[in-house]
Structures are given as structure tokens and as C-alpha cells.
N, C-alpha and C. Protein backbone atom coordinates (compact mmCIF):
# COMPACT_ATOMS: atom_id res chain seq x y z
N MET A 1 -2.10 32.18 -14.88
CA MET A 1 -2.31 33.35 -14.42
C MET A 1 -1.16 33.86 -13.79
N SER A 2 -0.84 35.21 -14.00
CA SER A 2 0.38 35.90 -13.20
C SER A 2 0.33 35.93 -11.91
N VAL A 3 1.39 36.04 -11.26
CA VAL A 3 1.71 35.98 -10.00
C VAL A 3 1.24 37.70 -9.32
N ALA A 4 1.34 38.02 -10.35
CA ALA A 4 0.57 40.01 -10.05
C ALA A 4 -0.69 39.91 -9.55
N PHE A 5 -1.89 38.82 -10.51
CA PHE A 5 -2.99 38.95 -10.06
C PHE A 5 -3.30 38.08 -8.74
N VAL A 6 -2.22 37.54 -7.88
CA VAL A 6 -2.83 36.54 -6.97
C VAL A 6 -1.92 36.94 -5.69
N LYS A 7 -2.42 36.75 -4.31
CA LYS A 7 -1.99 37.13 -3.23
C LYS A 7 -0.79 36.07 -3.17
N GLU A 8 -0.02 36.26 -3.51
CA GLU A 8 1.36 34.98 -4.01
C GLU A 8 2.44 35.79 -3.75
N GLU A 9 3.48 35.22 -2.86
CA GLU A 9 4.81 35.69 -2.62
C GLU A 9 5.61 35.71 -3.94
N SER A 10 5.46 34.34 -4.72
CA SER A 10 6.13 34.34 -5.86
C SER A 10 5.84 33.27 -6.59
N ALA A 11 6.62 32.94 -8.10
CA ALA A 11 5.73 32.00 -8.83
C ALA A 11 6.51 30.43 -8.44
N GLU A 12 7.72 30.77 -7.78
CA GLU A 12 8.30 29.75 -7.15
C GLU A 12 7.79 29.40 -5.93
N THR A 13 7.10 30.01 -5.01
CA THR A 13 6.28 29.48 -3.80
C THR A 13 5.05 28.86 -4.61
N ALA A 14 4.52 29.01 -5.34
CA ALA A 14 3.09 28.27 -5.85
C ALA A 14 4.09 26.86 -6.19
N ALA A 15 5.13 26.73 -7.13
CA ALA A 15 5.49 25.97 -7.65
C ALA A 15 6.32 24.69 -6.60
N GLU A 16 6.43 25.58 -5.61
CA GLU A 16 6.73 24.63 -4.37
C GLU A 16 5.91 23.87 -3.74
N THR A 17 4.65 24.17 -3.33
CA THR A 17 3.48 23.80 -3.26
C THR A 17 2.88 22.41 -4.17
N LEU A 18 3.51 22.38 -5.25
CA LEU A 18 2.85 21.35 -6.09
C LEU A 18 4.01 20.04 -5.99
N LEU A 19 3.45 18.73 -5.28
CA LEU A 19 3.86 17.91 -5.03
C LEU A 19 3.72 16.85 -6.23
N PRO A 20 4.80 16.09 -6.43
CA PRO A 20 4.77 15.02 -7.67
C PRO A 20 3.66 13.90 -6.95
N ASP A 21 3.05 13.12 -7.90
CA ASP A 21 2.03 12.17 -7.72
C ASP A 21 2.76 10.92 -6.80
N ARG A 22 2.25 10.44 -6.02
CA ARG A 22 2.88 9.20 -5.09
C ARG A 22 3.01 8.31 -6.55
N PRO A 23 3.94 7.13 -6.47
CA PRO A 23 3.95 6.19 -7.67
C PRO A 23 3.07 5.31 -7.53
N VAL A 24 2.54 4.71 -8.48
CA VAL A 24 1.27 3.47 -8.53
C VAL A 24 1.72 2.33 -8.97
N SER A 25 1.91 1.33 -8.37
CA SER A 25 2.78 0.32 -8.73
C SER A 25 2.26 -0.34 -10.13
N PRO A 26 2.83 -1.19 -10.85
CA PRO A 26 2.41 -1.61 -12.17
C PRO A 26 1.62 -2.69 -12.29
N HIS A 27 1.52 -3.37 -10.77
CA HIS A 27 0.85 -5.04 -10.63
C HIS A 27 -0.31 -4.29 -10.67
N PRO A 28 -1.40 -5.56 -10.60
CA PRO A 28 -2.92 -5.30 -10.36
C PRO A 28 -3.05 -5.40 -8.80
N ASN A 29 -3.96 -4.21 -8.48
CA ASN A 29 -4.23 -3.74 -7.21
C ASN A 29 -5.30 -4.67 -6.15
N LEU A 30 -4.69 -5.80 -6.34
CA LEU A 30 -5.58 -6.78 -5.53
C LEU A 30 -5.53 -6.66 -4.04
N VAL A 31 -6.61 -6.51 -3.56
CA VAL A 31 -6.83 -6.09 -1.98
C VAL A 31 -7.78 -7.14 -1.16
N THR A 32 -7.48 -7.49 0.18
CA THR A 32 -8.57 -8.30 0.85
C THR A 32 -9.49 -7.48 1.40
N GLU A 33 -10.62 -7.73 1.90
CA GLU A 33 -11.36 -7.10 2.28
C GLU A 33 -10.94 -5.81 3.38
N ALA A 34 -10.28 -6.32 4.17
CA ALA A 34 -9.54 -5.32 5.06
C ALA A 34 -8.89 -4.16 4.68
N GLY A 35 -7.87 -5.04 3.28
CA GLY A 35 -7.25 -3.75 2.42
C GLY A 35 -8.36 -2.68 2.03
N LEU A 36 -9.52 -3.18 1.46
CA LEU A 36 -10.07 -2.19 0.60
C LEU A 36 -10.58 -1.39 1.79
N ARG A 37 -11.32 -1.66 3.06
CA ARG A 37 -11.67 -0.99 3.85
C ARG A 37 -10.60 0.18 4.05
N ALA A 38 -9.27 -0.32 4.18
CA ALA A 38 -8.20 0.71 4.66
C ALA A 38 -8.11 1.64 3.53
N LEU A 39 -8.24 1.54 2.50
CA LEU A 39 -8.00 2.17 1.23
C LEU A 39 -9.06 3.30 1.23
N GLU A 40 -10.50 2.99 1.72
CA GLU A 40 -11.46 3.49 1.79
C GLU A 40 -11.36 4.70 2.86
N GLN A 41 -10.96 4.37 3.97
CA GLN A 41 -10.36 5.18 5.25
C GLN A 41 -9.51 6.07 4.98
N GLN A 42 -8.41 5.67 4.22
CA GLN A 42 -7.32 6.64 4.17
C GLN A 42 -7.99 7.85 3.31
N LEU A 43 -8.61 7.22 2.24
CA LEU A 43 -9.32 8.24 1.14
C LEU A 43 -10.12 9.15 2.15
N GLN A 44 -10.83 8.93 2.71
CA GLN A 44 -11.62 9.71 3.36
C GLN A 44 -10.95 10.99 4.46
N GLN A 45 -10.02 10.00 4.90
CA GLN A 45 -9.05 10.86 6.10
C GLN A 45 -8.54 11.81 4.91
N ALA A 46 -7.91 11.97 3.63
CA ALA A 46 -7.35 12.64 2.74
C ALA A 46 -8.16 13.99 2.39
N ARG A 47 -9.59 13.41 2.14
CA ARG A 47 -10.51 14.38 1.78
C ARG A 47 -11.08 15.35 2.64
N GLU A 48 -10.69 15.05 4.23
CA GLU A 48 -10.68 16.13 5.65
C GLU A 48 -9.97 16.45 5.44
N ALA A 49 -8.58 16.42 5.49
CA ALA A 49 -7.50 16.97 5.37
C ALA A 49 -7.37 18.09 4.61
N TYR A 50 -7.62 17.69 3.06
CA TYR A 50 -7.75 18.56 1.97
C TYR A 50 -8.76 19.59 2.46
N GLN A 51 -9.97 19.49 2.90
CA GLN A 51 -11.10 19.92 3.19
C GLN A 51 -10.88 21.34 4.54
N ALA A 52 -10.10 20.95 5.16
CA ALA A 52 -9.39 21.65 6.25
C ALA A 52 -8.47 22.50 5.66
N ALA A 53 -7.45 21.79 5.20
CA ALA A 53 -6.44 23.02 4.47
C ALA A 53 -7.28 23.83 3.55
N SER A 54 -8.29 23.81 2.97
CA SER A 54 -9.00 24.62 2.08
C SER A 54 -9.83 25.84 2.37
N ALA A 55 -9.65 25.33 3.78
CA ALA A 55 -10.60 26.51 4.53
C ALA A 55 -9.40 27.91 5.02
N ILE A 56 -8.54 27.62 5.09
CA ILE A 56 -7.32 28.39 5.28
C ILE A 56 -7.22 29.88 4.68
N GLU A 57 -7.44 31.04 5.12
CA GLU A 57 -7.53 32.04 4.37
C GLU A 57 -6.11 32.43 3.71
N ASP A 58 -5.05 32.13 4.11
CA ASP A 58 -3.86 32.77 3.49
C ASP A 58 -3.61 32.01 2.71
N VAL A 59 -3.42 32.57 1.14
CA VAL A 59 -3.27 31.79 0.20
C VAL A 59 -2.04 30.74 0.04
N ASN A 60 -0.92 31.34 0.84
CA ASN A 60 0.43 30.85 0.44
C ASN A 60 0.37 29.44 1.30
N GLU A 61 -0.34 29.74 2.43
CA GLU A 61 -0.30 28.74 3.56
C GLU A 61 -1.27 27.57 3.28
N ARG A 62 -2.57 27.96 2.72
CA ARG A 62 -3.38 27.14 2.29
C ARG A 62 -2.58 26.21 1.21
N ARG A 63 -2.06 26.71 0.18
CA ARG A 63 -1.45 25.75 -0.78
C ARG A 63 -0.22 24.92 -0.05
N ARG A 64 0.34 25.38 0.77
CA ARG A 64 1.47 24.33 1.47
C ARG A 64 0.78 23.19 2.27
N GLN A 65 -0.39 23.77 3.12
CA GLN A 65 -1.28 22.93 3.71
C GLN A 65 -1.92 21.69 3.06
N ALA A 66 -2.13 22.30 1.94
CA ALA A 66 -3.08 21.24 0.93
C ALA A 66 -2.35 20.53 -0.04
N ALA A 67 -0.98 20.58 -0.17
CA ALA A 67 -0.43 20.01 -1.18
C ALA A 67 -0.25 18.40 -1.04
N GLY A 68 -0.02 17.93 0.40
CA GLY A 68 0.25 16.84 0.64
C GLY A 68 -1.63 15.72 0.73
N PRO A 69 -2.15 16.79 1.12
CA PRO A 69 -3.55 15.97 1.44
C PRO A 69 -4.19 15.86 -0.14
N LEU A 70 -3.68 16.81 -0.96
CA LEU A 70 -4.37 16.66 -2.04
C LEU A 70 -3.54 15.62 -3.10
N ARG A 71 -1.97 15.14 -2.64
CA ARG A 71 -1.66 14.08 -3.56
C ARG A 71 -2.00 12.81 -2.85
N ASP A 72 -2.15 12.71 -1.37
CA ASP A 72 -2.63 11.63 -1.06
C ASP A 72 -4.00 11.48 -1.80
N LEU A 73 -4.83 12.46 -1.75
CA LEU A 73 -6.15 12.31 -2.44
C LEU A 73 -6.34 11.66 -3.48
N ARG A 74 -5.51 11.81 -4.27
CA ARG A 74 -5.12 11.77 -5.88
C ARG A 74 -4.92 10.09 -5.67
N TYR A 75 -4.10 9.66 -5.13
CA TYR A 75 -3.65 8.19 -4.98
C TYR A 75 -4.58 7.54 -4.45
N PHE A 76 -5.55 7.74 -3.09
CA PHE A 76 -5.91 7.08 -2.48
C PHE A 76 -7.39 6.79 -3.38
N ALA A 77 -7.52 7.80 -4.27
CA ALA A 77 -8.47 7.94 -5.18
C ALA A 77 -8.28 7.09 -6.39
N GLU A 78 -7.40 6.59 -6.68
CA GLU A 78 -6.96 5.85 -7.80
C GLU A 78 -6.92 4.44 -7.32
N ARG A 79 -6.20 4.23 -6.21
CA ARG A 79 -6.08 2.88 -5.50
C ARG A 79 -7.78 2.61 -5.55
N VAL A 80 -8.58 2.80 -4.57
CA VAL A 80 -10.06 2.50 -4.20
C VAL A 80 -10.23 2.25 -5.79
N ARG A 81 -10.17 3.14 -7.30
CA ARG A 81 -10.77 2.83 -8.20
C ARG A 81 -10.54 1.60 -8.60
N THR A 82 -9.19 1.26 -8.95
CA THR A 82 -8.66 0.26 -8.88
C THR A 82 -8.49 -0.98 -8.43
N ALA A 83 -9.10 -1.11 -7.67
CA ALA A 83 -9.09 -2.10 -6.23
C ALA A 83 -9.95 -3.39 -6.80
N GLN A 84 -9.17 -4.38 -6.61
CA GLN A 84 -9.51 -5.56 -7.04
C GLN A 84 -10.11 -6.54 -6.01
N LEU A 85 -11.43 -6.87 -5.53
CA LEU A 85 -11.25 -7.32 -4.36
C LEU A 85 -11.19 -9.14 -4.16
N VAL A 86 -10.07 -9.68 -3.49
CA VAL A 86 -10.00 -10.85 -3.89
C VAL A 86 -10.78 -11.52 -2.56
N ALA A 87 -11.49 -12.40 -2.57
CA ALA A 87 -12.34 -13.45 -1.75
C ALA A 87 -11.09 -14.06 -0.63
N ASP A 88 -11.37 -14.11 0.18
CA ASP A 88 -10.75 -14.90 1.16
C ASP A 88 -10.52 -16.38 0.84
N PRO A 89 -9.27 -16.77 0.98
CA PRO A 89 -8.85 -18.25 0.28
C PRO A 89 -10.07 -19.47 1.00
N THR A 90 -10.65 -20.24 0.28
CA THR A 90 -11.29 -21.32 0.90
C THR A 90 -10.57 -22.70 1.09
N SER A 91 -9.09 -22.54 0.66
CA SER A 91 -8.30 -23.70 1.05
C SER A 91 -7.19 -23.32 1.53
N THR A 92 -6.52 -24.39 2.34
CA THR A 92 -5.09 -24.25 3.00
C THR A 92 -3.91 -25.17 2.42
N GLU A 93 -4.74 -25.96 1.03
CA GLU A 93 -3.69 -26.97 0.39
C GLU A 93 -2.56 -26.05 0.21
N THR A 94 -2.63 -25.16 -0.86
CA THR A 94 -1.46 -24.46 -1.21
C THR A 94 -1.55 -22.90 -0.61
N VAL A 95 -0.24 -22.16 -0.49
CA VAL A 95 -0.32 -20.92 -0.48
C VAL A 95 -0.83 -20.32 -1.49
N ALA A 96 -1.81 -19.24 -1.32
CA ALA A 96 -2.44 -18.17 -2.17
C ALA A 96 -2.49 -16.73 -1.46
N PHE A 97 -3.53 -15.69 -2.51
CA PHE A 97 -3.34 -14.45 -1.79
C PHE A 97 -4.75 -14.83 -0.47
N GLY A 98 -3.94 -14.01 0.52
CA GLY A 98 -4.93 -14.19 1.70
C GLY A 98 -4.97 -15.00 2.69
N ASN A 99 -3.93 -16.12 2.22
CA ASN A 99 -3.29 -16.75 3.34
C ASN A 99 -2.39 -16.61 4.28
N THR A 100 -2.20 -17.24 5.64
CA THR A 100 -0.97 -16.74 6.35
C THR A 100 -0.23 -17.65 6.25
N VAL A 101 0.77 -17.67 6.12
CA VAL A 101 1.90 -19.03 5.97
C VAL A 101 3.06 -18.75 6.72
N THR A 102 3.55 -20.03 7.38
CA THR A 102 4.79 -20.04 8.50
C THR A 102 5.61 -20.45 7.50
N PHE A 103 6.87 -20.12 7.46
CA PHE A 103 7.89 -20.96 7.08
C PHE A 103 9.19 -20.89 8.23
N GLU A 104 10.22 -22.07 8.07
CA GLU A 104 11.48 -22.06 9.11
C GLU A 104 12.39 -21.79 7.79
N ARG A 105 13.37 -21.03 8.00
CA ARG A 105 14.53 -20.60 7.58
C ARG A 105 15.43 -21.42 7.84
N ASP A 106 16.68 -21.44 7.02
CA ASP A 106 18.03 -22.39 7.02
C ASP A 106 18.63 -22.21 8.82
N ASP A 107 18.44 -21.05 8.85
CA ASP A 107 19.17 -20.56 10.13
C ASP A 107 18.19 -21.05 11.35
N GLY A 108 17.03 -21.20 10.96
CA GLY A 108 16.23 -21.79 11.97
C GLY A 108 15.07 -20.96 12.83
N ARG A 109 14.95 -19.69 12.16
CA ARG A 109 14.27 -18.68 12.01
C ARG A 109 12.51 -18.99 11.93
N VAL A 110 11.82 -18.82 12.38
CA VAL A 110 10.50 -19.42 12.01
C VAL A 110 9.75 -18.10 11.89
N GLN A 111 8.92 -17.74 10.44
CA GLN A 111 8.50 -16.69 10.17
C GLN A 111 6.84 -16.94 9.69
N THR A 112 5.86 -16.01 10.27
CA THR A 112 4.61 -16.16 9.72
C THR A 112 4.19 -14.70 9.18
N TYR A 113 3.71 -14.76 8.06
CA TYR A 113 3.33 -13.73 7.35
C TYR A 113 1.77 -14.20 6.44
N ARG A 114 0.88 -12.80 6.46
CA ARG A 114 -0.30 -13.22 5.74
C ARG A 114 -0.06 -12.32 4.42
N ILE A 115 -0.25 -13.11 3.37
CA ILE A 115 -0.22 -12.50 1.91
C ILE A 115 -1.41 -11.50 1.62
N VAL A 116 -1.10 -10.34 1.27
CA VAL A 116 -1.58 -9.42 1.35
C VAL A 116 -1.54 -8.17 -0.06
N GLY A 117 -2.79 -7.06 -0.45
CA GLY A 117 -2.23 -6.35 -1.15
C GLY A 117 -1.16 -5.51 -0.79
N GLU A 118 -0.55 -4.54 -2.08
CA GLU A 118 0.57 -3.93 -1.82
C GLU A 118 0.40 -2.43 -0.96
N ASP A 119 -0.81 -2.27 -0.70
CA ASP A 119 -1.16 -0.87 0.22
C ASP A 119 -1.05 -1.54 1.60
N GLU A 120 -1.77 -2.55 2.01
CA GLU A 120 -1.67 -3.07 3.34
C GLU A 120 -0.80 -4.01 3.89
N ALA A 121 0.04 -4.21 2.86
CA ALA A 121 1.45 -5.04 3.63
C ALA A 121 2.47 -4.39 4.40
N ASP A 122 2.58 -4.87 5.57
CA ASP A 122 3.30 -4.12 6.55
C ASP A 122 4.37 -5.46 7.46
N PRO A 123 5.37 -5.85 6.94
CA PRO A 123 5.84 -6.37 7.26
C PRO A 123 6.10 -6.95 9.09
N LYS A 124 6.48 -5.60 9.30
CA LYS A 124 6.40 -5.69 11.33
C LYS A 124 5.25 -6.13 11.65
N ALA A 125 4.07 -5.99 11.04
CA ALA A 125 2.75 -6.58 11.62
C ALA A 125 2.45 -7.68 11.23
N GLY A 126 3.27 -8.45 10.39
CA GLY A 126 3.26 -9.65 9.70
C GLY A 126 2.22 -9.70 8.73
N SER A 127 2.64 -8.92 7.51
CA SER A 127 2.00 -9.14 6.22
C SER A 127 2.69 -8.51 5.33
N ILE A 128 2.63 -9.67 4.19
CA ILE A 128 3.67 -8.74 2.98
C ILE A 128 2.94 -9.35 1.98
N SER A 129 3.30 -8.02 0.73
CA SER A 129 2.94 -8.17 -0.43
C SER A 129 2.78 -9.19 -1.26
N TYR A 130 1.90 -9.46 -2.05
CA TYR A 130 1.76 -10.37 -2.86
C TYR A 130 2.79 -10.35 -4.02
N VAL A 131 3.29 -9.24 -4.12
CA VAL A 131 4.51 -9.15 -5.11
C VAL A 131 5.90 -9.22 -4.74
N SER A 132 5.97 -9.20 -3.31
CA SER A 132 7.24 -9.28 -2.73
C SER A 132 8.09 -10.75 -3.40
N PRO A 133 9.17 -10.68 -2.80
CA PRO A 133 10.16 -12.06 -3.33
C PRO A 133 9.52 -13.06 -2.56
N VAL A 134 9.64 -12.82 -1.43
CA VAL A 134 9.32 -14.09 -0.51
C VAL A 134 7.97 -14.58 -0.93
N ALA A 135 7.09 -13.67 -0.82
CA ALA A 135 5.32 -14.18 -1.19
C ALA A 135 5.56 -14.73 -2.72
N ARG A 136 6.03 -14.51 -3.31
CA ARG A 136 6.13 -14.83 -4.84
C ARG A 136 6.92 -16.32 -5.17
N ALA A 137 7.64 -16.82 -4.07
CA ALA A 137 8.23 -18.24 -4.15
C ALA A 137 7.37 -18.91 -3.06
N LEU A 138 6.66 -17.97 -2.46
CA LEU A 138 6.05 -19.26 -1.53
C LEU A 138 4.31 -19.51 -2.18
N MET A 139 3.91 -18.68 -3.43
CA MET A 139 2.52 -19.01 -3.62
C MET A 139 2.46 -20.33 -4.28
N GLY A 140 1.58 -20.65 -4.24
CA GLY A 140 1.30 -22.07 -4.93
C GLY A 140 1.97 -23.47 -4.57
N ARG A 141 2.70 -23.39 -3.15
CA ARG A 141 3.48 -24.44 -2.57
C ARG A 141 2.84 -25.09 -1.32
N ALA A 142 2.60 -25.81 -0.92
CA ALA A 142 2.00 -26.78 -0.13
C ALA A 142 3.13 -26.89 1.67
N VAL A 143 2.48 -27.29 2.51
CA VAL A 143 2.84 -27.60 3.60
C VAL A 143 3.91 -28.51 3.71
N GLY A 144 5.22 -28.64 3.85
CA GLY A 144 6.27 -29.24 3.66
C GLY A 144 7.38 -29.50 2.48
N ASP A 145 6.77 -28.24 1.49
CA ASP A 145 7.68 -27.98 0.00
C ASP A 145 8.94 -27.13 1.21
N VAL A 146 10.16 -27.09 0.31
CA VAL A 146 11.16 -26.46 0.49
C VAL A 146 11.24 -25.68 -0.65
N VAL A 147 11.45 -24.28 -0.32
CA VAL A 147 11.18 -22.99 -1.81
C VAL A 147 13.01 -23.07 -1.22
N GLY A 148 13.49 -22.76 -2.73
CA GLY A 148 14.79 -22.02 -2.48
C GLY A 148 14.41 -20.61 -2.90
N PHE A 149 15.41 -19.79 -2.02
CA PHE A 149 14.98 -18.32 -1.92
C PHE A 149 16.54 -17.83 -2.02
N GLY A 150 17.01 -17.22 -3.06
CA GLY A 150 18.40 -16.84 -2.72
C GLY A 150 19.23 -17.83 -2.78
N ALA A 151 20.13 -17.53 -1.58
CA ALA A 151 21.17 -18.62 -1.12
C ALA A 151 20.55 -19.52 0.07
N GLN A 152 19.22 -19.15 0.45
CA GLN A 152 19.04 -19.91 1.63
C GLN A 152 17.24 -21.01 1.08
N GLU A 153 16.66 -21.53 1.91
CA GLU A 153 15.99 -22.51 1.68
C GLU A 153 14.75 -21.91 2.70
N LEU A 154 13.54 -22.23 2.30
CA LEU A 154 12.00 -21.75 3.23
C LEU A 154 11.53 -23.03 3.02
N GLU A 155 11.28 -23.79 4.44
CA GLU A 155 10.26 -24.92 4.64
C GLU A 155 9.23 -24.59 5.06
N ILE A 156 7.76 -24.80 4.07
CA ILE A 156 6.77 -24.57 4.63
C ILE A 156 6.02 -25.11 5.71
N THR A 157 5.95 -24.47 6.73
CA THR A 157 5.18 -25.45 7.99
C THR A 157 4.17 -25.50 8.24
N ALA A 158 3.31 -24.39 8.09
CA ALA A 158 1.89 -24.33 7.94
C ALA A 158 1.17 -23.11 7.31
N ILE A 159 -0.25 -23.32 6.87
CA ILE A 159 -0.90 -22.74 5.92
C ILE A 159 -2.54 -22.18 6.78
N ALA A 160 -2.66 -21.46 7.04
CA ALA A 160 -4.15 -21.00 7.09
C ALA A 160 -4.73 -20.10 6.61
């Protein structure tokens, strides 16, 4: 449609409001139960934000305000659609998706992380993605195992 037929400042203004899609990981979208609930909640928030932006009368402002929520809506809809729910681990024999693992580094630092899906990972809050290098090095290992990680060694001290 030509810009002449819409209440639009210019074709450039319309193009500015089209945001590129958020990148989607090529890895399987494994999620914990809490991770799936969080994705569904984020999808609902994106829907609500998009609906609120769609109610704005000025077409240019509506497009600007709707761009972010629309992009998030597409992303979270895809993530919910492709989510593969993984049950909580039943064993603490070896590190697996959903386990919380404590390990000690060469320098004496002790760290504890829960291994979760990519969208729910938050290292500052104590969770890392199952595709992160640390998680991949720890998966399948048991308490007492020493894992080479780059120039360091990590010793698993607990699995919960």
C-alpha cells in the first residue's frame, strides 16, 4: 500500500517500526515445569502489551508502541510451541537437566547452579542453561568427579 493512502509520515517511519525477530536457538527447547510456566506468562504479557499498543489512535505511535510487543509475541509463541517439558530428575547420582550441582574451582570458589532451559537461565540467580559450556562439562558426572574446563578443573561436591 502506498504511503499516500495511510496517515503515515513516510515509508521510512513505517520501516523503522518493524523490528527483526529475536534469535531462536538451534538447540532443542528443553524446559523445566517452572520454565514452561514462565514462558507462558511472558507470552501472556506480550499479548497484553500488544493489545494495549493496538488501542492507540495515532497510527505512527501505535506502530512504534506495538513493535516490541509484537516481536516478543512471535518469539514467546514459538518458544511455548516448541517447548519440551523435562520432568524433574529422579536421581542425584549424576548431573542431569534440572539438577542443582555444586562444584569447587581450582581457586577455591564454590559455585552452585541449577541446570535449566535456555530461556530460564539466569547465572546471577543460580541457574545456567543446559547448553552452557559449564553445564555441558558437568552433565553425566557424579559427586567427586573432577572435570577439566579450559585451563581449570571443577570438582563436583554435591548434586541435588
